[in-house]
Amino acid sequence: MAKEILLTGDRPTGKLHIGHYIGSLKNRVQRQDQYNSFIMIADQQALTDNARNPEKIRINLTEVALDYLAVGLDPAKVTIFVQSQLPELNELTMHYLNLVTLARLKRNPTVKNEIKEKNFNESLPAGFLIYPVSQAADITAFKATVVPVGDDQIPMIEQTKEIVRSFNSIYEKEVLVEPNALLPEKGSGRLPGIDGKAKMSKSLNNAIYLSDSPDVIQKKVMSMYTDPNHIRVEDPGKLENNTVFTYLDAFCSDKVKLEEMKEHYRRGGLGDVKVKRYLNDILQAELEPIRNRRIEYEKQIDFVLEILKKGSQTARAVAAETLFEVREAIGINYFK
């Protein structure tokens, strides 16, 4: 029985952090035997709001590739590719744009929220507005049936389904395949930043990166946001919005000990420093082998680039087959 096809990826706007790891990377590694996985470094999508700073994308493309290999993604099992190296995706995007109205693009809740967050107003790049259509091209090019996303990305999958239905209906051929969203398991969703803010990001300087040194990790953990009213050790503490315990829920495998610590913290008598030291020990153990593998791959950058090149060639061949079928359905394979 053929494996289901999975498509996922990341924008190369910075090194990947433990939020990426717990939210998606770890699951990708665990599932790389289960699915026929295509993992995309979405450089073109990153350029939609970084077009004036392409050097940022070029540098971080390699950083993301290093993080992928460091966490254990195996190029022999998954296809890691670079979005811009597949021109077929651009043509698919063009064909799909003819099936989507401007009003529909503006209604996409994910895009609306991101436009608001970035304060684009009238300076909104056209490429950013249409990136849900570009994502539809990415997904359908590989006929992916499984796309791991967070809750906030469900509207993107719905828009892809709409495009698939429109295309297949208009051209009366079942060429494109509808994808299904694969939501994160409970407890493996988005991690807050170490400052307690909802989003972990480089711009907010509140992330722990997979490549951070042991000293940097310890310093960041010891600065983490906890219960601001838990001033003395004997004070009862709250777990709600307490970043340290949120991270422990995600990374601690000894759930019995963790529940005992939570109860102790609630009733008082357990200091923040002790809890942070425990979290630091857990994170150091989790991240040490990842960091060590990353260091080894950093010594073989040419080898890493070759992996990306071969993966892009493999992915392009698949996308080209889909594009041929799309052209055939539309009736523009004039000189086949």
C-alpha atoms as a PDB file:
ATOM      1  CA  MET A   1       0.000   0.000   0.000  1.00  0.00           C
ATOM      2  CA  ALA A   2       1.386   3.391  -1.000  1.00  0.00           C
ATOM      3  CA  LYS A   3       2.204   5.848   1.761  1.00  0.00           C
ATOM      4  CA  GLU A   4       0.161   9.005   2.118  1.00  0.00           C
ATOM      5  CA  ILE A   5       1.937  12.147   0.920  1.00  0.00           C
ATOM      6  CA  LEU A   6       2.775  14.794   3.504  1.00  0.00           C
ATOM      7  CA  LEU A   7       3.900  18.353   2.801  1.00  0.00           C
ATOM      8  CA  THR A   8       5.262  20.731   5.399  1.00  0.00           C
ATOM      9  CA  GLY A   9       7.996  23.320   5.753  1.00  0.00           C
ATOM     10  CA  ASP A  10       9.320  26.536   7.263  1.00  0.00           C
ATOM     11  CA  ARG A  11      10.136  30.080   6.192  1.00  0.00           C
ATOM     12  CA  PRO A  12      13.930  30.684   6.388  1.00  0.00           C
ATOM     13  CA  THR A  13      13.773  33.937   8.347  1.00  0.00           C
ATOM     14  CA  GLY A  14      15.948  32.746  11.229  1.00  0.00           C
ATOM     15  CA  LYS A  15      17.331  29.708  13.011  1.00  0.00           C
ATOM     16  CA  LEU A  16      14.699  27.298  14.315  1.00  0.00           C
ATOM     17  CA  HIS A  17      13.862  27.282  18.021  1.00  0.00           C
ATOM     18  CA  ILE A  18      12.373  24.837  20.509  1.00  0.00           C
ATOM     19  CA  GLY A  19       8.895  26.088  19.629  1.00  0.00           C
ATOM     20  CA  HIS A  20       9.434  24.748  16.109  1.00  0.00           C
ATOM     21  CA  TYR A  21      10.898  21.574  17.589  1.00  0.00           C
ATOM     22  CA  ILE A  22       8.060  20.706  19.949  1.00  0.00           C
ATOM     23  CA  GLY A  23       5.385  21.968  17.557  1.00  0.00           C
ATOM     24  CA  SER A  24       6.458  20.242  14.343  1.00  0.00           C
ATOM     25  CA  LEU A  25      10.070  19.103  13.922  1.00  0.00           C
ATOM     26  CA  LYS A  26       9.917  16.306  16.486  1.00  0.00           C
ATOM     27  CA  ASN A  27       6.741  14.950  14.901  1.00  0.00           C
ATOM     28  CA  ARG A  28       8.294  15.083  11.423  1.00  0.00           C
ATOM     29  CA  VAL A  29      11.147  12.895  12.589  1.00  0.00           C
ATOM     30  CA  GLN A  30       8.762  10.432  14.242  1.00  0.00           C
ATOM     31  CA  ARG A  31       6.621  10.250  11.087  1.00  0.00           C
ATOM     32  CA  GLN A  32       9.334  10.065   8.435  1.00  0.00           C
ATOM     33  CA  ASP A  33       8.815   6.313   8.061  1.00  0.00           C
ATOM     34  CA  GLN A  34       5.028   6.652   8.012  1.00  0.00           C
ATOM     35  CA  TYR A  35       4.603   9.167   5.175  1.00  0.00           C
ATOM     36  CA  ASN A  36       6.152  10.055   1.848  1.00  0.00           C
ATOM     37  CA  SER A  37       7.244  13.455   3.155  1.00  0.00           C
ATOM     38  CA  PHE A  38       8.183  16.572   1.201  1.00  0.00           C
ATOM     39  CA  ILE A  39       9.732  19.213   3.468  1.00  0.00           C
ATOM     40  CA  MET A  40      10.016  22.641   1.924  1.00  0.00           C
ATOM     41  CA  ILE A  41      12.245  25.554   2.837  1.00  0.00           C
ATOM     42  CA  ALA A  42       9.813  28.275   1.805  1.00  0.00           C
ATOM     43  CA  ASP A  43      12.212  30.977   0.673  1.00  0.00           C
ATOM     44  CA  GLN A  44       9.837  32.516  -1.857  1.00  0.00           C
ATOM     45  CA  GLN A  45       7.129  32.827   0.748  1.00  0.00           C
ATOM     46  CA  ALA A  46       9.647  34.445   3.104  1.00  0.00           C
ATOM     47  CA  LEU A  47      10.511  36.977   0.411  1.00  0.00           C
ATOM     48  CA  THR A  48       6.899  38.199   0.271  1.00  0.00           C
ATOM     49  CA  ASP A  49       7.691  40.447   3.243  1.00  0.00           C
ATOM     50  CA  ASN A  50      11.501  40.411   3.021  1.00  0.00           C
ATOM     51  CA  ALA A  51      12.047  41.297  -0.640  1.00  0.00           C
ATOM     52  CA  ARG A  52      14.252  44.253   0.274  1.00  0.00           C
ATOM     53  CA  ASN A  53      16.483  42.048   2.418  1.00  0.00           C
ATOM     54  CA  PRO A  54      17.137  38.857   0.413  1.00  0.00           C
ATOM     55  CA  GLU A  55      20.458  38.297   2.187  1.00  0.00           C
ATOM     56  CA  LYS A  56      18.508  37.446   5.345  1.00  0.00           C
ATOM     57  CA  ILE A  57      16.721  34.660   3.491  1.00  0.00           C
ATOM     58  CA  ARG A  58      19.862  33.377   1.764  1.00  0.00           C
ATOM     59  CA  ILE A  59      21.776  33.072   5.038  1.00  0.00           C
ATOM     60  CA  ASN A  60      18.947  31.482   6.980  1.00  0.00           C
ATOM     61  CA  LEU A  61      18.173  28.945   4.281  1.00  0.00           C
ATOM     62  CA  THR A  62      21.335  27.109   5.265  1.00  0.00           C
ATOM     63  CA  GLU A  63      20.588  27.569   8.967  1.00  0.00           C
ATOM     64  CA  VAL A  64      17.175  25.936   8.575  1.00  0.00           C
ATOM     65  CA  ALA A  65      18.699  23.063   6.597  1.00  0.00           C
ATOM     66  CA  LEU A  66      21.230  22.506   9.394  1.00  0.00           C
ATOM     67  CA  ASP A  67      18.442  22.466  11.976  1.00  0.00           C
ATOM     68  CA  TYR A  68      16.470  19.936   9.913  1.00  0.00           C
ATOM     69  CA  LEU A  69      19.395  17.541   9.725  1.00  0.00           C
ATOM     70  CA  ALA A  70      20.353  18.130  13.349  1.00  0.00           C
ATOM     71  CA  VAL A  71      16.969  17.069  14.730  1.00  0.00           C
ATOM     72  CA  GLY A  72      17.203  13.822  12.764  1.00  0.00           C
ATOM     73  CA  LEU A  73      15.394  14.326   9.459  1.00  0.00           C
ATOM     74  CA  ASP A  74      16.923  11.754   7.119  1.00  0.00           C
ATOM     75  CA  PRO A  75      17.345  12.743   3.420  1.00  0.00           C
ATOM     76  CA  ALA A  76      17.101   9.059   2.580  1.00  0.00           C
ATOM     77  CA  LYS A  77      13.543   9.024   3.978  1.00  0.00           C
ATOM     78  CA  VAL A  78      12.244  12.542   3.301  1.00  0.00           C
ATOM     79  CA  THR A  79      12.664  14.999   0.429  1.00  0.00           C
ATOM     80  CA  ILE A  80      14.034  18.329   1.636  1.00  0.00           C
ATOM     81  CA  PHE A  81      13.787  20.986  -1.056  1.00  0.00           C
ATOM     82  CA  VAL A  82      13.969  24.736  -1.687  1.00  0.00           C
ATOM     83  CA  GLN A  83      10.751  26.373  -2.921  1.00  0.00           C
ATOM     84  CA  SER A  84      12.381  28.823  -5.352  1.00  0.00           C
ATOM     85  CA  GLN A  85      14.126  26.014  -7.209  1.00  0.00           C
ATOM     86  CA  LEU A  86      10.797  24.709  -8.520  1.00  0.00           C
ATOM     87  CA  PRO A  87       9.520  27.169 -11.164  1.00  0.00           C
ATOM     88  CA  GLU A  88       6.572  24.828 -11.711  1.00  0.00           C
ATOM     89  CA  LEU A  89       5.124  26.116  -8.431  1.00  0.00           C
ATOM     90  CA  ASN A  90       5.023  29.640  -9.856  1.00  0.00           C
ATOM     91  CA  GLU A  91       3.031  28.566 -12.904  1.00  0.00           C
ATOM     92  CA  LEU A  92       0.599  26.586 -10.774  1.00  0.00           C
ATOM     93  CA  THR A  93       0.122  29.683  -8.607  1.00  0.00           C
ATOM     94  CA  MET A  94      -0.689  31.731 -11.715  1.00  0.00           C
ATOM     95  CA  HIS A  95      -3.324  29.264 -12.890  1.00  0.00           C
ATOM     96  CA  TYR A  96      -4.928  29.135  -9.433  1.00  0.00           C
ATOM     97  CA  LEU A  97      -5.008  32.931  -9.113  1.00  0.00           C
ATOM     98  CA  ASN A  98      -7.458  32.945 -12.015  1.00  0.00           C
ATOM     99  CA  LEU A  99      -9.853  30.924  -9.849  1.00  0.00           C
ATOM    100  CA  VAL A 100      -9.710  33.134  -6.720  1.00  0.00           C
ATOM    101  CA  THR A 101     -11.262  36.559  -6.224  1.00  0.00           C
ATOM    102  CA  LEU A 102      -9.565  39.469  -4.494  1.00  0.00           C
ATOM    103  CA  ALA A 103     -12.436  39.588  -2.005  1.00  0.00           C
ATOM    104  CA  ARG A 104     -11.825  35.930  -1.070  1.00  0.00           C
ATOM    105  CA  LEU A 105      -8.138  36.557  -0.471  1.00  0.00           C
ATOM    106  CA  LYS A 106      -8.921  39.507   1.797  1.00  0.00           C
ATOM    107  CA  ARG A 107     -11.381  37.404   3.813  1.00  0.00           C
ATOM    108  CA  ASN A 108      -8.788  34.766   4.745  1.00  0.00           C
ATOM    109  CA  PRO A 109      -8.593  35.086   8.580  1.00  0.00           C
ATOM    110  CA  THR A 110      -4.947  34.017   8.761  1.00  0.00           C
ATOM    111  CA  VAL A 111      -3.884  36.603   6.179  1.00  0.00           C
ATOM    112  CA  LYS A 112      -6.021  39.311   7.822  1.00  0.00           C
ATOM    113  CA  ASN A 113      -4.376  38.702  11.196  1.00  0.00           C
ATOM    114  CA  GLU A 114      -0.864  38.678   9.756  1.00  0.00           C
ATOM    115  CA  ILE A 115      -1.500  41.895   7.806  1.00  0.00           C
ATOM    116  CA  LYS A 116      -2.646  43.509  11.044  1.00  0.00           C
ATOM    117  CA  GLU A 117       0.368  42.186  12.997  1.00  0.00           C
ATOM    118  CA  LYS A 118       2.791  43.544  10.411  1.00  0.00           C
ATOM    119  CA  ASN A 119       1.018  46.922  10.102  1.00  0.00           C
ATOM    120  CA  PHE A 120       1.117  46.796   6.298  1.00  0.00           C
ATOM    121  CA  ASN A 121      -1.894  49.076   5.613  1.00  0.00           C
ATOM    122  CA  GLU A 122      -1.491  50.466   2.068  1.00  0.00           C
ATOM    123  CA  SER A 123       2.082  49.135   1.847  1.00  0.00           C
ATOM    124  CA  LEU A 124       0.825  45.538   1.698  1.00  0.00           C
ATOM    125  CA  PRO A 125       2.944  43.635  -0.876  1.00  0.00           C
ATOM    126  CA  ALA A 126       0.757  41.904  -3.464  1.00  0.00           C
ATOM    127  CA  GLY A 127       2.888  38.773  -3.063  1.00  0.00           C
ATOM    128  CA  PHE A 128       1.993  38.607   0.617  1.00  0.00           C
ATOM    129  CA  LEU A 129      -1.730  38.875  -0.069  1.00  0.00           C
ATOM    130  CA  ILE A 130      -1.678  35.969  -2.513  1.00  0.00           C
ATOM    131  CA  TYR A 131       0.572  33.625  -0.539  1.00  0.00           C
ATOM    132  CA  PRO A 132      -2.364  31.336   0.381  1.00  0.00           C
ATOM    133  CA  VAL A 133      -2.651  30.628  -3.356  1.00  0.00           C
ATOM    134  CA  SER A 134       1.071  29.954  -3.498  1.00  0.00           C
ATOM    135  CA  GLN A 135       0.632  27.544  -0.586  1.00  0.00           C
ATOM    136  CA  ALA A 136      -2.125  25.810  -2.531  1.00  0.00           C
ATOM    137  CA  ALA A 137       0.338  25.366  -5.392  1.00  0.00           C
ATOM    138  CA  ASP A 138       2.920  23.900  -3.009  1.00  0.00           C
ATOM    139  CA  ILE A 139       0.440  21.422  -1.561  1.00  0.00           C
ATOM    140  CA  THR A 140      -1.235  20.331  -4.793  1.00  0.00           C
ATOM    141  CA  ALA A 141       2.018  20.048  -6.756  1.00  0.00           C
ATOM    142  CA  PHE A 142       2.803  16.931  -4.717  1.00  0.00           C
ATOM    143  CA  LYS A 143      -0.848  15.827  -4.363  1.00  0.00           C
ATOM    144  CA  ALA A 144      -0.318  15.965  -0.621  1.00  0.00           C
ATOM    145  CA  THR A 145      -3.162  14.498   1.419  1.00  0.00           C
ATOM    146  CA  VAL A 146      -1.665  15.416   4.794  1.00  0.00           C
ATOM    147  CA  VAL A 147      -0.515  18.917   5.793  1.00  0.00           C
ATOM    148  CA  PRO A 148       0.529  19.481   9.435  1.00  0.00           C
ATOM    149  CA  VAL A 149      -0.736  22.881  10.607  1.00  0.00           C
ATOM    150  CA  GLY A 150      -1.671  24.768  13.749  1.00  0.00           C
ATOM    151  CA  ASP A 151      -5.238  25.872  14.420  1.00  0.00           C
ATOM    152  CA  ASP A 152      -4.458  29.318  13.005  1.00  0.00           C
ATOM    153  CA  GLN A 153      -3.522  27.798   9.648  1.00  0.00           C
ATOM    154  CA  ILE A 154      -6.746  25.867   9.048  1.00  0.00           C
ATOM    155  CA  PRO A 155      -8.134  28.682   6.824  1.00  0.00           C
ATOM    156  CA  MET A 156      -5.161  28.145   4.494  1.00  0.00           C
ATOM    157  CA  ILE A 157      -6.079  24.479   4.066  1.00  0.00           C
ATOM    158  CA  GLU A 158      -9.716  25.408   3.477  1.00  0.00           C
ATOM    159  CA  GLN A 159      -8.688  27.831   0.736  1.00  0.00           C
ATOM    160  CA  THR A 160      -6.580  25.121  -0.900  1.00  0.00           C
ATOM    161  CA  LYS A 161      -9.584  22.786  -0.851  1.00  0.00           C
ATOM    162  CA  GLU A 162     -11.696  25.468  -2.520  1.00  0.00           C
ATOM    163  CA  ILE A 163      -9.121  25.869  -5.286  1.00  0.00           C
ATOM    164  CA  VAL A 164      -8.943  22.107  -5.813  1.00  0.00           C
ATOM    165  CA  ARG A 165     -12.730  21.847  -6.096  1.00  0.00           C
ATOM    166  CA  SER A 166     -12.956  24.831  -8.436  1.00  0.00           C
ATOM    167  CA  PHE A 167     -10.221  23.529 -10.722  1.00  0.00           C
ATOM    168  CA  ASN A 168     -11.554  19.986 -10.921  1.00  0.00           C
ATOM    169  CA  SER A 169     -15.094  21.275 -11.515  1.00  0.00           C
ATOM    170  CA  ILE A 170     -14.255  23.904 -14.147  1.00  0.00           C
ATOM    171  CA  TYR A 171     -11.988  21.658 -16.183  1.00  0.00           C
ATOM    172  CA  GLU A 172     -14.033  18.513 -15.501  1.00  0.00           C
ATOM    173  CA  LYS A 173     -11.042  16.400 -14.550  1.00  0.00           C
ATOM    174  CA  GLU A 174     -10.046  15.054 -11.150  1.00  0.00           C
ATOM    175  CA  VAL A 175      -6.456  16.271 -11.435  1.00  0.00           C
ATOM    176  CA  LEU A 176      -5.921  17.906  -8.058  1.00  0.00           C
ATOM    177  CA  VAL A 177      -6.233  16.245  -4.650  1.00  0.00           C
ATOM    178  CA  GLU A 178      -7.809  17.808  -1.554  1.00  0.00           C
ATOM    179  CA  PRO A 179      -5.481  17.923   1.453  1.00  0.00           C
ATOM    180  CA  ASN A 180      -6.393  17.286   5.072  1.00  0.00           C
ATOM    181  CA  ALA A 181      -5.038  19.296   7.993  1.00  0.00           C
ATOM    182  CA  LEU A 182      -3.021  17.336  10.536  1.00  0.00           C
ATOM    183  CA  LEU A 183      -3.383  19.212  13.826  1.00  0.00           C
ATOM    184  CA  PRO A 184      -0.764  18.993  16.597  1.00  0.00           C
ATOM    185  CA  GLU A 185      -1.364  16.548  19.415  1.00  0.00           C
ATOM    186  CA  LYS A 186      -2.445  17.974  22.751  1.00  0.00           C
ATOM    187  CA  GLY A 187       0.565  19.409  24.564  1.00  0.00           C
ATOM    188  CA  SER A 188       2.642  19.803  21.410  1.00  0.00           C
ATOM    189  CA  GLY A 189       1.265  23.090  20.170  1.00  0.00           C
ATOM    190  CA  ARG A 190       2.843  26.528  20.170  1.00  0.00           C
ATOM    191  CA  LEU A 191       5.171  27.381  23.047  1.00  0.00           C
ATOM    192  CA  PRO A 192       5.144  30.897  24.480  1.00  0.00           C
ATOM    193  CA  GLY A 193       8.307  32.968  24.549  1.00  0.00           C
ATOM    194  CA  ILE A 194      10.540  32.845  27.607  1.00  0.00           C
ATOM    195  CA  ASP A 195       9.111  36.251  28.574  1.00  0.00           C
ATOM    196  CA  GLY A 196       5.613  34.801  28.782  1.00  0.00           C
ATOM    197  CA  LYS A 197       4.409  36.448  25.595  1.00  0.00           C
ATOM    198  CA  ALA A 198       2.255  34.301  23.336  1.00  0.00           C
ATOM    199  CA  LYS A 199       4.708  34.153  20.446  1.00  0.00           C
ATOM    200  CA  MET A 200       8.306  32.958  20.472  1.00  0.00           C
ATOM    201  CA  SER A 201      10.354  34.788  17.838  1.00  0.00           C
ATOM    202  CA  LYS A 202      13.740  36.191  16.950  1.00  0.00           C
ATOM    203  CA  SER A 203      12.377  39.738  16.689  1.00  0.00           C
ATOM    204  CA  LEU A 204      11.103  39.602  20.276  1.00  0.00           C
ATOM    205  CA  ASN A 205      14.397  38.086  21.518  1.00  0.00           C
ATOM    206  CA  ASN A 206      12.456  35.563  23.580  1.00  0.00           C
ATOM    207  CA  ALA A 207      13.366  32.223  22.000  1.00  0.00           C
ATOM    208  CA  ILE A 208      15.607  29.287  22.883  1.00  0.00           C
ATOM    209  CA  TYR A 209      17.255  28.086  19.669  1.00  0.00           C
ATOM    210  CA  LEU A 210      18.244  24.532  18.791  1.00  0.00           C
ATOM    211  CA  SER A 211      21.768  25.835  18.195  1.00  0.00           C
ATOM    212  CA  ASP A 212      22.111  27.692  21.532  1.00  0.00           C
ATOM    213  CA  SER A 213      25.095  26.769  23.701  1.00  0.00           C
ATOM    214  CA  PRO A 214      24.554  25.203  27.159  1.00  0.00           C
ATOM    215  CA  ASP A 215      25.436  28.497  28.876  1.00  0.00           C
ATOM    216  CA  VAL A 216      22.994  30.467  26.739  1.00  0.00           C
ATOM    217  CA  ILE A 217      20.216  27.944  27.381  1.00  0.00           C
ATOM    218  CA  GLN A 218      20.807  28.105  31.127  1.00  0.00           C
ATOM    219  CA  LYS A 219      20.825  31.903  31.117  1.00  0.00           C
ATOM    220  CA  LYS A 220      17.566  32.018  29.171  1.00  0.00           C
ATOM    221  CA  VAL A 221      15.858  29.436  31.386  1.00  0.00           C
ATOM    222  CA  MET A 222      16.864  31.266  34.572  1.00  0.00           C
ATOM    223  CA  SER A 223      15.354  34.482  33.165  1.00  0.00           C
ATOM    224  CA  MET A 224      12.014  32.872  32.284  1.00  0.00           C
ATOM    225  CA  TYR A 225       8.694  34.369  33.277  1.00  0.00           C
ATOM    226  CA  THR A 226       6.883  32.622  36.154  1.00  0.00           C
ATOM    227  CA  ASP A 227       4.163  33.688  38.601  1.00  0.00           C
ATOM    228  CA  PRO A 228       4.901  37.358  39.425  1.00  0.00           C
ATOM    229  CA  ASN A 229       3.169  36.967  42.808  1.00  0.00           C
ATOM    230  CA  HIS A 230       5.316  34.002  43.821  1.00  0.00           C
ATOM    231  CA  ILE A 231       7.840  36.218  45.574  1.00  0.00           C
ATOM    232  CA  ARG A 232       8.956  34.032  48.495  1.00  0.00           C
ATOM    233  CA  VAL A 233       9.572  30.290  48.423  1.00  0.00           C
ATOM    234  CA  GLU A 234       6.778  29.656  50.923  1.00  0.00           C
ATOM    235  CA  ASP A 235       4.219  31.586  48.860  1.00  0.00           C
ATOM    236  CA  PRO A 236       1.601  29.504  46.981  1.00  0.00           C
ATOM    237  CA  GLY A 237       2.261  29.709  43.226  1.00  0.00           C
ATOM    238  CA  LYS A 238       0.046  29.649  40.150  1.00  0.00           C
ATOM    239  CA  LEU A 239       0.646  27.395  37.167  1.00  0.00           C
ATOM    240  CA  GLU A 240      -1.597  29.329  34.767  1.00  0.00           C
ATOM    241  CA  ASN A 241       0.500  31.378  32.316  1.00  0.00           C
ATOM    242  CA  ASN A 242       3.618  30.210  34.157  1.00  0.00           C
ATOM    243  CA  THR A 243       6.077  29.708  31.300  1.00  0.00           C
ATOM    244  CA  VAL A 244       8.373  27.340  33.178  1.00  0.00           C
ATOM    245  CA  PHE A 245       5.589  24.846  33.812  1.00  0.00           C
ATOM    246  CA  THR A 246       4.312  25.241  30.238  1.00  0.00           C
ATOM    247  CA  TYR A 247       7.747  24.164  29.028  1.00  0.00           C
ATOM    248  CA  LEU A 248       7.865  21.320  31.561  1.00  0.00           C
ATOM    249  CA  ASP A 249       4.508  20.047  30.264  1.00  0.00           C
ATOM    250  CA  ALA A 250       6.042  19.937  26.773  1.00  0.00           C
ATOM    251  CA  PHE A 251       9.452  18.439  27.577  1.00  0.00           C
ATOM    252  CA  CYS A 252       9.282  16.513  30.883  1.00  0.00           C
ATOM    253  CA  SER A 253       8.816  12.776  30.373  1.00  0.00           C
ATOM    254  CA  ASP A 254       8.462  11.988  34.102  1.00  0.00           C
ATOM    255  CA  LYS A 255       4.823  13.023  34.449  1.00  0.00           C
ATOM    256  CA  VAL A 256       4.520  11.646  37.997  1.00  0.00           C
ATOM    257  CA  LYS A 257       7.360  13.812  39.276  1.00  0.00           C
ATOM    258  CA  LEU A 258       6.021  16.787  37.342  1.00  0.00           C
ATOM    259  CA  GLU A 259       2.579  16.462  38.961  1.00  0.00           C
ATOM    260  CA  GLU A 260       4.240  16.284  42.391  1.00  0.00           C
ATOM    261  CA  MET A 261       6.192  19.476  41.609  1.00  0.00           C
ATOM    262  CA  LYS A 262       3.042  21.238  40.452  1.00  0.00           C
ATOM    263  CA  GLU A 263       1.192  20.368  43.658  1.00  0.00           C
ATOM    264  CA  HIS A 264       4.179  21.475  45.761  1.00  0.00           C
ATOM    265  CA  TYR A 265       4.374  24.755  43.862  1.00  0.00           C
ATOM    266  CA  ARG A 266       0.644  25.404  44.270  1.00  0.00           C
ATOM    267  CA  ARG A 267       0.686  24.966  48.040  1.00  0.00           C
ATOM    268  CA  GLY A 268       3.994  26.817  48.530  1.00  0.00           C
ATOM    269  CA  GLY A 269       7.466  25.758  49.567  1.00  0.00           C
ATOM    270  CA  LEU A 270       8.949  25.256  46.093  1.00  0.00           C
ATOM    271  CA  GLY A 271      11.046  28.097  44.714  1.00  0.00           C
ATOM    272  CA  ASP A 272      11.215  29.237  41.108  1.00  0.00           C
ATOM    273  CA  VAL A 273      14.975  28.738  40.988  1.00  0.00           C
ATOM    274  CA  LYS A 274      14.661  25.031  41.793  1.00  0.00           C
ATOM    275  CA  VAL A 275      11.963  24.540  39.155  1.00  0.00           C
ATOM    276  CA  LYS A 276      14.027  26.401  36.558  1.00  0.00           C
ATOM    277  CA  ARG A 277      17.085  24.281  37.320  1.00  0.00           C
ATOM    278  CA  TYR A 278      15.008  21.163  36.757  1.00  0.00           C
ATOM    279  CA  LEU A 279      13.771  22.521  33.425  1.00  0.00           C
ATOM    280  CA  ASN A 280      17.325  23.471  32.440  1.00  0.00           C
ATOM    281  CA  ASP A 281      18.530  19.902  33.086  1.00  0.00           C
ATOM    282  CA  ILE A 282      15.730  18.513  30.889  1.00  0.00           C
ATOM    283  CA  LEU A 283      16.345  20.951  28.032  1.00  0.00           C
ATOM    284  CA  GLN A 284      20.105  20.403  28.123  1.00  0.00           C
ATOM    285  CA  ALA A 285      19.620  16.639  27.833  1.00  0.00           C
ATOM    286  CA  GLU A 286      17.138  17.061  24.953  1.00  0.00           C
ATOM    287  CA  LEU A 287      19.135  19.617  22.981  1.00  0.00           C
ATOM    288  CA  GLU A 288      22.713  18.366  23.462  1.00  0.00           C
ATOM    289  CA  PRO A 289      22.608  15.625  20.784  1.00  0.00           C
ATOM    290  CA  ILE A 290      20.824  18.003  18.383  1.00  0.00           C
ATOM    291  CA  ARG A 291      23.445  20.689  18.905  1.00  0.00           C
ATOM    292  CA  ASN A 292      26.304  18.197  18.495  1.00  0.00           C
ATOM    293  CA  ARG A 293      24.898  16.872  15.201  1.00  0.00           C
ATOM    294  CA  ARG A 294      24.447  20.443  14.001  1.00  0.00           C
ATOM    295  CA  ILE A 295      28.095  21.237  14.734  1.00  0.00           C
ATOM    296  CA  GLU A 296      29.167  18.235  12.660  1.00  0.00           C
ATOM    297  CA  TYR A 297      26.971  19.262   9.722  1.00  0.00           C
ATOM    298  CA  GLU A 298      28.332  22.824   9.915  1.00  0.00           C
ATOM    299  CA  LYS A 299      31.709  21.331   8.994  1.00  0.00           C
ATOM    300  CA  GLN A 300      30.143  19.858   5.819  1.00  0.00           C
ATOM    301  CA  ILE A 301      28.211  22.769   4.306  1.00  0.00           C
ATOM    302  CA  ASP A 302      28.876  21.573   0.742  1.00  0.00           C
ATOM    303  CA  PHE A 303      27.318  18.229   1.662  1.00  0.00           C
ATOM    304  CA  VAL A 304      24.283  20.017   3.151  1.00  0.00           C
ATOM    305  CA  LEU A 305      23.849  22.102  -0.016  1.00  0.00           C
ATOM    306  CA  GLU A 306      24.085  18.950  -2.118  1.00  0.00           C
ATOM    307  CA  ILE A 307      21.227  17.448  -0.069  1.00  0.00           C
ATOM    308  CA  LEU A 308      19.128  20.525  -0.847  1.00  0.00           C
ATOM    309  CA  LYS A 309      20.077  20.383  -4.524  1.00  0.00           C
ATOM    310  CA  LYS A 310      19.178  16.702  -4.916  1.00  0.00           C
ATOM    311  CA  GLY A 311      15.985  17.137  -2.917  1.00  0.00           C
ATOM    312  CA  SER A 312      14.955  20.066  -5.090  1.00  0.00           C
ATOM    313  CA  GLN A 313      15.591  18.023  -8.253  1.00  0.00           C
ATOM    314  CA  THR A 314      13.463  15.173  -6.907  1.00  0.00           C
ATOM    315  CA  ALA A 315      10.675  17.525  -5.869  1.00  0.00           C
ATOM    316  CA  ARG A 316      10.780  19.377  -9.183  1.00  0.00           C
ATOM    317  CA  ALA A 317      10.248  16.172 -11.131  1.00  0.00           C
ATOM    318  CA  VAL A 318       7.091  15.458  -9.124  1.00  0.00           C
ATOM    319  CA  ALA A 319       5.805  19.024  -9.498  1.00  0.00           C
ATOM    320  CA  ALA A 320       6.458  18.904 -13.244  1.00  0.00           C
ATOM    321  CA  GLU A 321       4.192  15.852 -13.584  1.00  0.00           C
ATOM    322  CA  THR A 322       1.372  17.670 -11.811  1.00  0.00           C
ATOM    323  CA  LEU A 323       1.885  20.799 -13.913  1.00  0.00           C
ATOM    324  CA  PHE A 324       1.672  18.707 -17.087  1.00  0.00           C
ATOM    325  CA  GLU A 325      -1.683  17.315 -15.921  1.00  0.00           C
ATOM    326  CA  VAL A 326      -2.903  20.826 -15.036  1.00  0.00           C
ATOM    327  CA  ARG A 327      -1.926  22.163 -18.468  1.00  0.00           C
ATOM    328  CA  GLU A 328      -3.552  19.165 -20.098  1.00  0.00           C
ATOM    329  CA  ALA A 329      -6.795  19.808 -18.212  1.00  0.00           C
ATOM    330  CA  ILE A 330      -6.798  23.505 -19.142  1.00  0.00           C
ATOM    331  CA  GLY A 331      -5.874  22.655 -22.729  1.00  0.00           C
ATOM    332  CA  ILE A 332      -2.633  24.587 -23.060  1.00  0.00           C
ATOM    333  CA  ASN A 333      -0.202  21.776 -23.770  1.00  0.00           C
ATOM    334  CA  TYR A 334      -0.060  23.162 -27.296  1.00  0.00           C
ATOM    335  CA  PHE A 335       3.176  21.560 -28.454  1.00  0.00           C
ATOM    336  CA  LYS A 336       3.334  18.321 -26.486  1.00  0.00           C
END
